Amino acid sequence: HTIESGKACTLKCEEGFVPSVAELQCVNGVLSPQDFTCEALDCKAVPSSSIAHVAATGSCAEGENIPHSGVCTAQCLAGYVPSTSTLSCAAGQLNPPSYTCVGKQCEAVPRP
């Protein structure tokens, strides 16, 4: 593809990634900037409103924004345990995408 002098090229990246600059400008046959990178998106924590018995501090111990390649440590109210302990972030998507808080099971007391 060619770009006319004085025109711009709007950049696109694969899903889950964003370009480091919005566009490249062509000025007298030279692109400015000369290159760009596609940077992975961070993840948003699972909305607390979508999880019953979620901890009051939120669904992820790490906060609302989880960096690419980071993890969300699932949190539940006392007496509940998360169905998965961590969710991993890759290119703007948590895996698994959510979790549930399940009531803890009682331990049987052995008889002497």
PDB file of N, CA and C in Angstrom:
ATOM      1  N   HIS A   1       0.833  -1.179   0.000  1.00  0.00           N
ATOM      2  CA  HIS A   1       0.000   0.000   0.000  1.00  0.00           C
ATOM      3  C   HIS A   1       0.884   1.251   0.000  1.00  0.00           C
ATOM      4  N   THR A   2       0.384   2.293  -0.600  1.00  0.00           N
ATOM      5  CA  THR A   2       1.100   3.569  -0.583  1.00  0.00           C
ATOM      6  C   THR A   2       0.203   4.642   0.019  1.00  0.00           C
ATOM      7  N   ILE A   3       0.848   5.641   0.583  1.00  0.00           N
ATOM      8  CA  ILE A   3       0.134   6.753   1.201  1.00  0.00           C
ATOM      9  C   ILE A   3       0.616   8.030   0.531  1.00  0.00           C
ATOM     10  N   GLU A   4      -0.321   8.843   0.087  1.00  0.00           N
ATOM     11  CA  GLU A   4       0.040  10.115  -0.555  1.00  0.00           C
ATOM     12  C   GLU A   4       0.672  11.059   0.468  1.00  0.00           C
ATOM     13  N   SER A   5       1.568  11.899  -0.002  1.00  0.00           N
ATOM     14  CA  SER A   5       2.187  12.892   0.867  1.00  0.00           C
ATOM     15  C   SER A   5       1.100  13.816   1.414  1.00  0.00           C
ATOM     16  N   GLY A   6       1.166  14.086   2.695  1.00  0.00           N
ATOM     17  CA  GLY A   6       0.169  14.922   3.357  1.00  0.00           C
ATOM     18  C   GLY A   6      -1.003  14.131   3.916  1.00  0.00           C
ATOM     19  N   LYS A   7      -1.041  12.833   3.642  1.00  0.00           N
ATOM     20  CA  LYS A   7      -2.122  11.977   4.131  1.00  0.00           C
ATOM     21  C   LYS A   7      -1.632  11.152   5.318  1.00  0.00           C
ATOM     22  N   ALA A   8      -2.580  10.537   6.001  1.00  0.00           N
ATOM     23  CA  ALA A   8      -2.245   9.732   7.178  1.00  0.00           C
ATOM     24  C   ALA A   8      -2.773   8.311   7.013  1.00  0.00           C
ATOM     25  N   CYS A   9      -2.150   7.413   7.698  1.00  0.00           N
ATOM     26  CA  CYS A   9      -2.554   6.015   7.732  1.00  0.00           C
ATOM     27  C   CYS A   9      -3.020   5.711   9.158  1.00  0.00           C
ATOM     28  N   THR A  10      -4.297   5.316   9.302  1.00  0.00           N
ATOM     29  CA  THR A  10      -4.821   4.953  10.616  1.00  0.00           C
ATOM     30  C   THR A  10      -4.396   3.523  10.933  1.00  0.00           C
ATOM     31  N   LEU A  11      -3.838   3.327  12.100  1.00  0.00           N
ATOM     32  CA  LEU A  11      -3.256   2.034  12.458  1.00  0.00           C
ATOM     33  C   LEU A  11      -4.252   1.119  13.156  1.00  0.00           C
ATOM     34  N   LYS A  12      -4.095  -0.171  12.906  1.00  0.00           N
ATOM     35  CA  LYS A  12      -4.923  -1.194  13.546  1.00  0.00           C
ATOM     36  C   LYS A  12      -4.024  -2.323  14.006  1.00  0.00           C
ATOM     37  N   CYS A  13      -4.434  -2.965  15.076  1.00  0.00           N
ATOM     38  CA  CYS A  13      -3.719  -4.129  15.601  1.00  0.00           C
ATOM     39  C   CYS A  13      -4.726  -5.258  15.776  1.00  0.00           C
ATOM     40  N   GLU A  14      -4.206  -6.447  16.055  1.00  0.00           N
ATOM     41  CA  GLU A  14      -5.088  -7.574  16.319  1.00  0.00           C
ATOM     42  C   GLU A  14      -5.938  -7.285  17.554  1.00  0.00           C
ATOM     43  N   GLU A  15      -7.055  -8.022  17.678  1.00  0.00           N
ATOM     44  CA  GLU A  15      -7.932  -7.850  18.838  1.00  0.00           C
ATOM     45  C   GLU A  15      -7.142  -8.074  20.124  1.00  0.00           C
ATOM     46  N   GLY A  16      -7.386  -7.211  21.105  1.00  0.00           N
ATOM     47  CA  GLY A  16      -6.671  -7.305  22.377  1.00  0.00           C
ATOM     48  C   GLY A  16      -5.401  -6.475  22.425  1.00  0.00           C
ATOM     49  N   PHE A  17      -5.093  -5.797  21.330  1.00  0.00           N
ATOM     50  CA  PHE A  17      -3.891  -4.968  21.248  1.00  0.00           C
ATOM     51  C   PHE A  17      -4.268  -3.594  20.692  1.00  0.00           C
ATOM     52  N   VAL A  18      -3.500  -2.578  21.057  1.00  0.00           N
ATOM     53  CA  VAL A  18      -3.707  -1.224  20.540  1.00  0.00           C
ATOM     54  C   VAL A  18      -2.378  -0.692  20.011  1.00  0.00           C
ATOM     55  N   PRO A  19      -2.439   0.135  18.952  1.00  0.00           N
ATOM     56  CA  PRO A  19      -1.193   0.704  18.426  1.00  0.00           C
ATOM     57  C   PRO A  19      -0.612   1.748  19.380  1.00  0.00           C
ATOM     58  N   SER A  20       0.714   1.850  19.390  1.00  0.00           N
ATOM     59  CA  SER A  20       1.395   2.818  20.263  1.00  0.00           C
ATOM     60  C   SER A  20       1.140   4.259  19.829  1.00  0.00           C
ATOM     61  N   VAL A  21       0.783   4.484  18.565  1.00  0.00           N
ATOM     62  CA  VAL A  21       0.371   5.793  18.049  1.00  0.00           C
ATOM     63  C   VAL A  21      -0.890   5.581  17.217  1.00  0.00           C
ATOM     64  N   ALA A  22      -1.722   6.603  17.093  1.00  0.00           N
ATOM     65  CA  ALA A  22      -2.999   6.461  16.393  1.00  0.00           C
ATOM     66  C   ALA A  22      -2.835   6.362  14.879  1.00  0.00           C
ATOM     67  N   GLU A  23      -1.867   7.105  14.332  1.00  0.00           N
ATOM     68  CA  GLU A  23      -1.691   7.103  12.878  1.00  0.00           C
ATOM     69  C   GLU A  23      -0.266   7.464  12.501  1.00  0.00           C
ATOM     70  N   LEU A  24       0.070   7.144  11.249  1.00  0.00           N
ATOM     71  CA  LEU A  24       1.359   7.523  10.670  1.00  0.00           C
ATOM     72  C   LEU A  24       1.081   8.590   9.609  1.00  0.00           C
ATOM     73  N   GLN A  25       1.839   9.661   9.637  1.00  0.00           N
ATOM     74  CA  GLN A  25       1.699  10.749   8.665  1.00  0.00           C
ATOM     75  C   GLN A  25       2.752  10.566   7.568  1.00  0.00           C
ATOM     76  N   CYS A  26       2.345  10.802   6.327  1.00  0.00           N
ATOM     77  CA  CYS A  26       3.297  10.774   5.218  1.00  0.00           C
ATOM     78  C   CYS A  26       3.637  12.224   4.866  1.00  0.00           C
ATOM     79  N   VAL A  27       4.908  12.596   5.024  1.00  0.00           N
ATOM     80  CA  VAL A  27       5.369  13.950   4.711  1.00  0.00           C
ATOM     81  C   VAL A  27       6.553  13.829   3.755  1.00  0.00           C
ATOM     82  N   ASN A  28       6.345  14.244   2.514  1.00  0.00           N
ATOM     83  CA  ASN A  28       7.391  14.191   1.484  1.00  0.00           C
ATOM     84  C   ASN A  28       8.039  12.807   1.371  1.00  0.00           C
ATOM     85  N   GLY A  29       7.195  11.774   1.403  1.00  0.00           N
ATOM     86  CA  GLY A  29       7.686  10.404   1.226  1.00  0.00           C
ATOM     87  C   GLY A  29       8.251   9.743   2.469  1.00  0.00           C
ATOM     88  N   VAL A  30       8.143  10.418   3.616  1.00  0.00           N
ATOM     89  CA  VAL A  30       8.679   9.857   4.863  1.00  0.00           C
ATOM     90  C   VAL A  30       7.542   9.699   5.868  1.00  0.00           C
ATOM     91  N   LEU A  31       7.412   8.502   6.429  1.00  0.00           N
ATOM     92  CA  LEU A  31       6.396   8.269   7.459  1.00  0.00           C
ATOM     93  C   LEU A  31       6.865   8.814   8.793  1.00  0.00           C
ATOM     94  N   SER A  32       5.934   9.429   9.523  1.00  0.00           N
ATOM     95  CA  SER A  32       6.256   9.951  10.846  1.00  0.00           C
ATOM     96  C   SER A  32       5.142   9.592  11.812  1.00  0.00           C
ATOM     97  N   PRO A  33       5.448   8.909  12.918  1.00  0.00           N
ATOM     98  CA  PRO A  33       6.742   8.282  13.197  1.00  0.00           C
ATOM     99  C   PRO A  33       7.015   7.159  12.206  1.00  0.00           C
ATOM    100  N   GLN A  34       8.245   6.669  12.176  1.00  0.00           N
ATOM    101  CA  GLN A  34       8.619   5.686  11.171  1.00  0.00           C
ATOM    102  C   GLN A  34       8.087   4.283  11.482  1.00  0.00           C
ATOM    103  N   ASP A  35       7.779   4.011  12.726  1.00  0.00           N
ATOM    104  CA  ASP A  35       7.210   2.706  13.050  1.00  0.00           C
ATOM    105  C   ASP A  35       6.334   2.809  14.293  1.00  0.00           C
ATOM    106  N   PHE A  36       5.716   1.695  14.643  1.00  0.00           N
ATOM    107  CA  PHE A  36       4.853   1.636  15.816  1.00  0.00           C
ATOM    108  C   PHE A  36       4.848   0.213  16.351  1.00  0.00           C
ATOM    109  N   THR A  37       4.304   0.060  17.529  1.00  0.00           N
ATOM    110  CA  THR A  37       4.167  -1.278  18.105  1.00  0.00           C
ATOM    111  C   THR A  37       2.709  -1.510  18.480  1.00  0.00           C
ATOM    112  N   CYS A  38       2.338  -2.763  18.565  1.00  0.00           N
ATOM    113  CA  CYS A  38       1.012  -3.138  19.045  1.00  0.00           C
ATOM    114  C   CYS A  38       1.186  -3.596  20.489  1.00  0.00           C
ATOM    115  N   GLU A  39       0.539  -2.886  21.397  1.00  0.00           N
ATOM    116  CA  GLU A  39       0.690  -3.159  22.827  1.00  0.00           C
ATOM    117  C   GLU A  39      -0.545  -3.852  23.365  1.00  0.00           C
ATOM    118  N   ALA A  40      -0.324  -4.880  24.168  1.00  0.00           N
ATOM    119  CA  ALA A  40      -1.428  -5.663  24.725  1.00  0.00           C
ATOM    120  C   ALA A  40      -2.250  -4.819  25.697  1.00  0.00           C
ATOM    121  N   LEU A  41      -3.553  -5.003  25.642  1.00  0.00           N
ATOM    122  CA  LEU A  41      -4.456  -4.302  26.561  1.00  0.00           C
ATOM    123  C   LEU A  41      -4.397  -4.923  27.947  1.00  0.00           C
ATOM    124  N   ASP A  42      -4.618  -4.100  28.955  1.00  0.00           N
ATOM    125  CA  ASP A  42      -4.784  -4.595  30.312  1.00  0.00           C
ATOM    126  C   ASP A  42      -6.196  -5.145  30.442  1.00  0.00           C
ATOM    127  N   CYS A  43      -6.471  -5.829  31.540  1.00  0.00           N
ATOM    128  CA  CYS A  43      -7.796  -6.392  31.789  1.00  0.00           C
ATOM    129  C   CYS A  43      -8.514  -5.590  32.864  1.00  0.00           C
ATOM    130  N   LYS A  44      -9.813  -5.581  32.795  1.00  0.00           N
ATOM    131  CA  LYS A  44     -10.649  -5.005  33.845  1.00  0.00           C
ATOM    132  C   LYS A  44     -11.066  -6.140  34.760  1.00  0.00           C
ATOM    133  N   ALA A  45     -11.100  -5.882  36.057  1.00  0.00           N
ATOM    134  CA  ALA A  45     -11.547  -6.888  37.026  1.00  0.00           C
ATOM    135  C   ALA A  45     -12.988  -7.284  36.721  1.00  0.00           C
ATOM    136  N   VAL A  46     -13.352  -8.489  37.120  1.00  0.00           N
ATOM    137  CA  VAL A  46     -14.729  -8.949  36.961  1.00  0.00           C
ATOM    138  C   VAL A  46     -15.628  -7.997  37.759  1.00  0.00           C
ATOM    139  N   PRO A  47     -16.723  -7.491  37.170  1.00  0.00           N
ATOM    140  CA  PRO A  47     -17.605  -6.593  37.923  1.00  0.00           C
ATOM    141  C   PRO A  47     -18.126  -7.277  39.192  1.00  0.00           C
ATOM    142  N   SER A  48     -17.935  -6.626  40.326  1.00  0.00           N
ATOM    143  CA  SER A  48     -18.377  -7.192  41.608  1.00  0.00           C
ATOM    144  C   SER A  48     -19.870  -7.499  41.608  1.00  0.00           C
ATOM    145  N   SER A  49     -20.647  -6.695  40.874  1.00  0.00           N
ATOM    146  CA  SER A  49     -22.097  -6.882  40.847  1.00  0.00           C
ATOM    147  C   SER A  49     -22.505  -8.200  40.180  1.00  0.00           C
ATOM    148  N   SER A  50     -21.581  -8.813  39.437  1.00  0.00           N
ATOM    149  CA  SER A  50     -21.907 -10.062  38.744  1.00  0.00           C
ATOM    150  C   SER A  50     -21.549 -11.305  39.558  1.00  0.00           C
ATOM    151  N   ILE A  51     -20.986 -11.110  40.768  1.00  0.00           N
ATOM    152  CA  ILE A  51     -20.568 -12.248  41.591  1.00  0.00           C
ATOM    153  C   ILE A  51     -21.244 -12.167  42.953  1.00  0.00           C
ATOM    154  N   ALA A  52     -22.054 -13.174  43.274  1.00  0.00           N
ATOM    155  CA  ALA A  52     -22.689 -13.228  44.601  1.00  0.00           C
ATOM    156  C   ALA A  52     -21.621 -13.547  45.648  1.00  0.00           C
ATOM    157  N   HIS A  53     -21.687 -12.907  46.789  1.00  0.00           N
ATOM    158  CA  HIS A  53     -20.797 -13.137  47.933  1.00  0.00           C
ATOM    159  C   HIS A  53     -19.339 -12.717  47.666  1.00  0.00           C
ATOM    160  N   VAL A  54     -19.149 -11.775  46.733  1.00  0.00           N
ATOM    161  CA  VAL A  54     -17.801 -11.271  46.448  1.00  0.00           C
ATOM    162  C   VAL A  54     -17.348 -10.398  47.617  1.00  0.00           C
ATOM    163  N   ALA A  55     -16.042 -10.305  47.831  1.00  0.00           N
ATOM    164  CA  ALA A  55     -15.487  -9.493  48.909  1.00  0.00           C
ATOM    165  C   ALA A  55     -15.860  -8.022  48.708  1.00  0.00           C
ATOM    166  N   ALA A  56     -16.045  -7.309  49.794  1.00  0.00           N
ATOM    167  CA  ALA A  56     -16.417  -5.891  49.748  1.00  0.00           C
ATOM    168  C   ALA A  56     -15.339  -5.049  49.058  1.00  0.00           C
ATOM    169  N   THR A  57     -14.095  -5.517  49.082  1.00  0.00           N
ATOM    170  CA  THR A  57     -12.989  -4.771  48.469  1.00  0.00           C
ATOM    171  C   THR A  57     -12.904  -4.968  46.962  1.00  0.00           C
ATOM    172  N   GLY A  58     -13.750  -5.843  46.393  1.00  0.00           N
ATOM    173  CA  GLY A  58     -13.752  -6.062  44.943  1.00  0.00           C
ATOM    174  C   GLY A  58     -13.430  -7.492  44.572  1.00  0.00           C
ATOM    175  N   SER A  59     -13.585  -7.782  43.288  1.00  0.00           N
ATOM    176  CA  SER A  59     -13.412  -9.158  42.823  1.00  0.00           C
ATOM    177  C   SER A  59     -11.954  -9.600  42.743  1.00  0.00           C
ATOM    178  N   CYS A  60     -11.022  -8.643  42.538  1.00  0.00           N
ATOM    179  CA  CYS A  60      -9.598  -8.973  42.426  1.00  0.00           C
ATOM    180  C   CYS A  60      -8.800  -8.274  43.525  1.00  0.00           C
ATOM    181  N   ALA A  61      -7.955  -9.027  44.198  1.00  0.00           N
ATOM    182  CA  ALA A  61      -7.111  -8.445  45.252  1.00  0.00           C
ATOM    183  C   ALA A  61      -6.202  -7.357  44.688  1.00  0.00           C
ATOM    184  N   GLU A  62      -5.863  -7.450  43.395  1.00  0.00           N
ATOM    185  CA  GLU A  62      -4.949  -6.503  42.762  1.00  0.00           C
ATOM    186  C   GLU A  62      -5.611  -5.198  42.356  1.00  0.00           C
ATOM    187  N   GLY A  63      -6.939  -5.110  42.479  1.00  0.00           N
ATOM    188  CA  GLY A  63      -7.642  -3.884  42.117  1.00  0.00           C
ATOM    189  C   GLY A  63      -8.436  -4.035  40.833  1.00  0.00           C
ATOM    190  N   GLU A  64      -8.874  -2.898  40.287  1.00  0.00           N
ATOM    191  CA  GLU A  64      -9.744  -2.884  39.108  1.00  0.00           C
ATOM    192  C   GLU A  64      -9.017  -3.161  37.795  1.00  0.00           C
ATOM    193  N   ASN A  65      -7.742  -2.772  37.708  1.00  0.00           N
ATOM    194  CA  ASN A  65      -6.977  -2.962  36.471  1.00  0.00           C
ATOM    195  C   ASN A  65      -5.906  -4.022  36.670  1.00  0.00           C
ATOM    196  N   ILE A  66      -5.937  -5.018  35.800  1.00  0.00           N
ATOM    197  CA  ILE A  66      -4.965  -6.106  35.852  1.00  0.00           C
ATOM    198  C   ILE A  66      -4.066  -5.957  34.625  1.00  0.00           C
ATOM    199  N   PRO A  67      -2.745  -5.833  34.819  1.00  0.00           N
ATOM    200  CA  PRO A  67      -1.867  -5.662  33.660  1.00  0.00           C
ATOM    201  C   PRO A  67      -1.795  -6.919  32.799  1.00  0.00           C
ATOM    202  N   HIS A  68      -1.503  -6.725  31.515  1.00  0.00           N
ATOM    203  CA  HIS A  68      -1.291  -7.854  30.603  1.00  0.00           C
ATOM    204  C   HIS A  68      -0.238  -8.776  31.213  1.00  0.00           C
ATOM    205  N   SER A  69      -0.470 -10.059  31.189  1.00  0.00           N
ATOM    206  CA  SER A  69       0.389 -11.104  31.767  1.00  0.00           C
ATOM    207  C   SER A  69       0.291 -11.163  33.287  1.00  0.00           C
ATOM    208  N   GLY A  70      -0.559 -10.323  33.896  1.00  0.00           N
ATOM    209  CA  GLY A  70      -0.745 -10.357  35.348  1.00  0.00           C
ATOM    210  C   GLY A  70      -1.870 -11.309  35.730  1.00  0.00           C
ATOM    211  N   VAL A  71      -2.132 -11.377  37.016  1.00  0.00           N
ATOM    212  CA  VAL A  71      -3.216 -12.226  37.504  1.00  0.00           C
ATOM    213  C   VAL A  71      -4.153 -11.448  38.413  1.00  0.00           C
ATOM    214  N   CYS A  72      -5.377 -11.915  38.458  1.00  0.00           N
ATOM    215  CA  CYS A  72      -6.402 -11.435  39.382  1.00  0.00           C
ATOM    216  C   CYS A  72      -6.557 -12.523  40.422  1.00  0.00           C
ATOM    217  N   THR A  73      -6.311 -12.186  41.684  1.00  0.00           N
ATOM    218  CA  THR A  73      -6.526 -13.141  42.766  1.00  0.00           C
ATOM    219  C   THR A  73      -7.965 -12.973  43.229  1.00  0.00           C
ATOM    220  N   ALA A  74      -8.779 -14.018  42.989  1.00  0.00           N
ATOM    221  CA  ALA A  74     -10.209 -13.965  43.288  1.00  0.00           C
ATOM    222  C   ALA A  74     -10.447 -13.802  44.785  1.00  0.00           C
ATOM    223  N   GLN A  75     -11.458 -12.987  45.133  1.00  0.00           N
ATOM    224  CA  GLN A  75     -11.782 -12.715  46.537  1.00  0.00           C
ATOM    225  C   GLN A  75     -13.265 -12.951  46.802  1.00  0.00           C
ATOM    226  N   CYS A  76     -13.556 -13.552  47.953  1.00  0.00           N
ATOM    227  CA  CYS A  76     -14.933 -13.784  48.379  1.00  0.00           C
ATOM    228  C   CYS A  76     -15.098 -13.340  49.828  1.00  0.00           C
ATOM    229  N   LEU A  77     -16.358 -13.190  50.241  1.00  0.00           N
ATOM    230  CA  LEU A  77     -16.644 -12.892  51.648  1.00  0.00           C
ATOM    231  C   LEU A  77     -16.189 -14.050  52.532  1.00  0.00           C
ATOM    232  N   ALA A  78     -15.995 -13.769  53.821  1.00  0.00           N
ATOM    233  CA  ALA A  78     -15.641 -14.809  54.778  1.00  0.00           C
ATOM    234  C   ALA A  78     -16.706 -15.907  54.730  1.00  0.00           C
ATOM    235  N   GLY A  79     -16.262 -17.151  54.769  1.00  0.00           N
ATOM    236  CA  GLY A  79     -17.186 -18.278  54.711  1.00  0.00           C
ATOM    237  C   GLY A  79     -17.415 -18.785  53.300  1.00  0.00           C
ATOM    238  N   TYR A  80     -16.815 -18.124  52.306  1.00  0.00           N
ATOM    239  CA  TYR A  80     -16.940 -18.529  50.906  1.00  0.00           C
ATOM    240  C   TYR A  80     -15.555 -18.660  50.292  1.00  0.00           C
ATOM    241  N   VAL A  81     -15.445 -19.510  49.303  1.00  0.00           N
ATOM    242  CA  VAL A  81     -14.180 -19.683  48.581  1.00  0.00           C
ATOM    243  C   VAL A  81     -14.447 -19.500  47.086  1.00  0.00           C
ATOM    244  N   PRO A  82     -13.472 -18.927  46.362  1.00  0.00           N
ATOM    245  CA  PRO A  82     -13.661 -18.750  44.924  1.00  0.00           C
ATOM    246  C   PRO A  82     -13.568 -20.083  44.176  1.00  0.00           C
ATOM    247  N   SER A  83     -14.342 -20.211  43.094  1.00  0.00           N
ATOM    248  CA  SER A  83     -14.326 -21.435  42.289  1.00  0.00           C
ATOM    249  C   SER A  83     -12.990 -21.631  41.582  1.00  0.00           C
ATOM    250  N   THR A  84     -12.238 -20.559  41.400  1.00  0.00           N
ATOM    251  CA  THR A  84     -10.858 -20.621  40.900  1.00  0.00           C
ATOM    252  C   THR A  84     -10.077 -19.572  41.680  1.00  0.00           C
ATOM    253  N   SER A  85      -8.835 -19.874  42.031  1.00  0.00           N
ATOM    254  CA  SER A  85      -8.095 -18.944  42.880  1.00  0.00           C
ATOM    255  C   SER A  85      -7.541 -17.745  42.117  1.00  0.00           C
ATOM    256  N   THR A  86      -7.153 -17.940  40.854  1.00  0.00           N
ATOM    257  CA  THR A  86      -6.611 -16.829  40.070  1.00  0.00           C
ATOM    258  C   THR A  86      -7.166 -16.851  38.643  1.00  0.00           C
ATOM    259  N   LEU A  87      -7.225 -15.667  38.063  1.00  0.00           N
ATOM    260  CA  LEU A  87      -7.619 -15.489  36.672  1.00  0.00           C
ATOM    261  C   LEU A  87      -6.448 -14.783  35.996  1.00  0.00           C
ATOM    262  N   SER A  88      -6.002 -15.262  34.859  1.00  0.00           N
ATOM    263  CA  SER A  88      -4.855 -14.651  34.193  1.00  0.00           C
ATOM    264  C   SER A  88      -5.320 -13.668  33.117  1.00  0.00           C
ATOM    265  N   CYS A  89      -4.534 -12.604  32.931  1.00  0.00           N
ATOM    266  CA  CYS A  89      -4.854 -11.568  31.946  1.00  0.00           C
ATOM    267  C   CYS A  89      -3.951 -11.727  30.735  1.00  0.00           C
ATOM    268  N   ALA A  90      -4.575 -11.814  29.562  1.00  0.00           N
ATOM    269  CA  ALA A  90      -3.828 -11.849  28.299  1.00  0.00           C
ATOM    270  C   ALA A  90      -4.588 -11.026  27.265  1.00  0.00           C
ATOM    271  N   ALA A  91      -3.942  -9.987  26.777  1.00  0.00           N
ATOM    272  CA  ALA A  91      -4.495  -9.145  25.702  1.00  0.00           C
ATOM    273  C   ALA A  91      -5.923  -8.690  25.989  1.00  0.00           C
ATOM    274  N   GLY A  92      -6.150  -8.209  27.203  1.00  0.00           N
ATOM    275  CA  GLY A  92      -7.445  -7.630  27.560  1.00  0.00           C
ATOM    276  C   GLY A  92      -8.517  -8.623  27.964  1.00  0.00           C
ATOM    277  N   GLN A  93      -8.179  -9.906  28.046  1.00  0.00           N
ATOM    278  CA  GLN A  93      -9.164 -10.935  28.400  1.00  0.00           C
ATOM    279  C   GLN A  93      -8.707 -11.710  29.628  1.00  0.00           C
ATOM    280  N   LEU A  94      -9.607 -11.829  30.618  1.00  0.00           N
ATOM    281  CA  LEU A  94      -9.318 -12.663  31.770  1.00  0.00           C
ATOM    282  C   LEU A  94      -9.642 -14.111  31.433  1.00  0.00           C
ATOM    283  N   ASN A  95      -8.821 -15.033  31.945  1.00  0.00           N
ATOM    284  CA  ASN A  95      -9.057 -16.450  31.723  1.00  0.00           C
ATOM    285  C   ASN A  95      -8.900 -17.198  33.040  1.00  0.00           C
ATOM    286  N   PRO A  96      -9.963 -17.837  33.539  1.00  0.00           N
ATOM    287  CA  PRO A  96     -11.315 -17.812  32.996  1.00  0.00           C
ATOM    288  C   PRO A  96     -11.910 -16.400  33.119  1.00  0.00           C
ATOM    289  N   PRO A  97     -13.005 -16.129  32.391  1.00  0.00           N
ATOM    290  CA  PRO A  97     -13.549 -14.767  32.383  1.00  0.00           C
ATOM    291  C   PRO A  97     -14.235 -14.343  33.677  1.00  0.00           C
ATOM    292  N   SER A  98     -14.594 -15.295  34.544  1.00  0.00           N
ATOM    293  CA  SER A  98     -15.263 -14.967  35.808  1.00  0.00           C
ATOM    294  C   SER A  98     -15.090 -16.122  36.789  1.00  0.00           C
ATOM    295  N   TYR A  99     -15.692 -15.978  37.952  1.00  0.00           N
ATOM    296  CA  TYR A  99     -15.685 -17.040  38.955  1.00  0.00           C
ATOM    297  C   TYR A  99     -16.909 -16.894  39.840  1.00  0.00           C
ATOM    298  N   THR A 100     -17.149 -17.886  40.675  1.00  0.00           N
ATOM    299  CA  THR A 100     -18.246 -17.823  41.641  1.00  0.00           C
ATOM    300  C   THR A 100     -17.683 -17.999  43.040  1.00  0.00           C
ATOM    301  N   CYS A 101     -18.417 -17.515  44.014  1.00  0.00           N
ATOM    302  CA  CYS A 101     -18.043 -17.707  45.416  1.00  0.00           C
ATOM    303  C   CYS A 101     -18.949 -18.798  45.982  1.00  0.00           C
ATOM    304  N   VAL A 102     -18.321 -19.863  46.437  1.00  0.00           N
ATOM    305  CA  VAL A 102     -19.039 -21.051  46.904  1.00  0.00           C
ATOM    306  C   VAL A 102     -18.897 -21.163  48.418  1.00  0.00           C
ATOM    307  N   GLY A 103     -19.997 -21.498  49.098  1.00  0.00           N
ATOM    308  CA  GLY A 103     -19.946 -21.678  50.551  1.00  0.00           C
ATOM    309  C   GLY A 103     -18.955 -22.768  50.947  1.00  0.00           C
ATOM    310  N   LYS A 104     -18.154 -22.479  51.977  1.00  0.00           N
ATOM    311  CA  LYS A 104     -17.187 -23.473  52.452  1.00  0.00           C
ATOM    312  C   LYS A 104     -17.918 -24.682  53.008  1.00  0.00           C
ATOM    313  N   GLN A 105     -17.333 -25.846  52.817  1.00  0.00           N
ATOM    314  CA  GLN A 105     -17.879 -27.084  53.356  1.00  0.00           C
ATOM    315  C   GLN A 105     -17.375 -27.253  54.790  1.00  0.00           C
ATOM    316  N   CYS A 106     -18.201 -27.846  55.613  1.00  0.00           N
ATOM    317  CA  CYS A 106     -17.793 -28.119  57.002  1.00  0.00           C
ATOM    318  C   CYS A 106     -16.958 -29.397  57.030  1.00  0.00           C
ATOM    319  N   GLU A 107     -15.959 -29.391  57.890  1.00  0.00           N
ATOM    320  CA  GLU A 107     -15.126 -30.574  58.074  1.00  0.00           C
ATOM    321  C   GLU A 107     -15.817 -31.477  59.099  1.00  0.00           C
ATOM    322  N   ALA A 108     -15.829 -32.756  58.800  1.00  0.00           N
ATOM    323  CA  ALA A 108     -16.404 -33.708  59.756  1.00  0.00           C
ATOM    324  C   ALA A 108     -15.467 -33.820  60.949  1.00  0.00           C
ATOM    325  N   VAL A 109     -16.047 -33.854  62.141  1.00  0.00           N
ATOM    326  CA  VAL A 109     -15.254 -33.972  63.354  1.00  0.00           C
ATOM    327  C   VAL A 109     -15.084 -35.464  63.677  1.00  0.00           C
ATOM    328  N   PRO A 110     -13.836 -35.943  63.727  1.00  0.00           N
ATOM    329  CA  PRO A 110     -13.654 -37.364  64.027  1.00  0.00           C
ATOM    330  C   PRO A 110     -14.060 -37.663  65.475  1.00  0.00           C
ATOM    331  N   ARG A 111     -14.682 -38.811  65.655  1.00  0.00           N
ATOM    332  CA  ARG A 111     -15.073 -39.216  67.005  1.00  0.00           C
ATOM    333  C   ARG A 111     -13.904 -39.964  67.650  1.00  0.00           C
ATOM    334  N   PRO A 112     -13.675 -39.701  68.926  1.00  0.00           N
ATOM    335  CA  PRO A 112     -12.572 -40.391  69.608  1.00  0.00           C
ATOM    336  C   PRO A 112     -12.866 -41.856  69.820  1.00  0.00           C
TER     337      PRO A 112
END
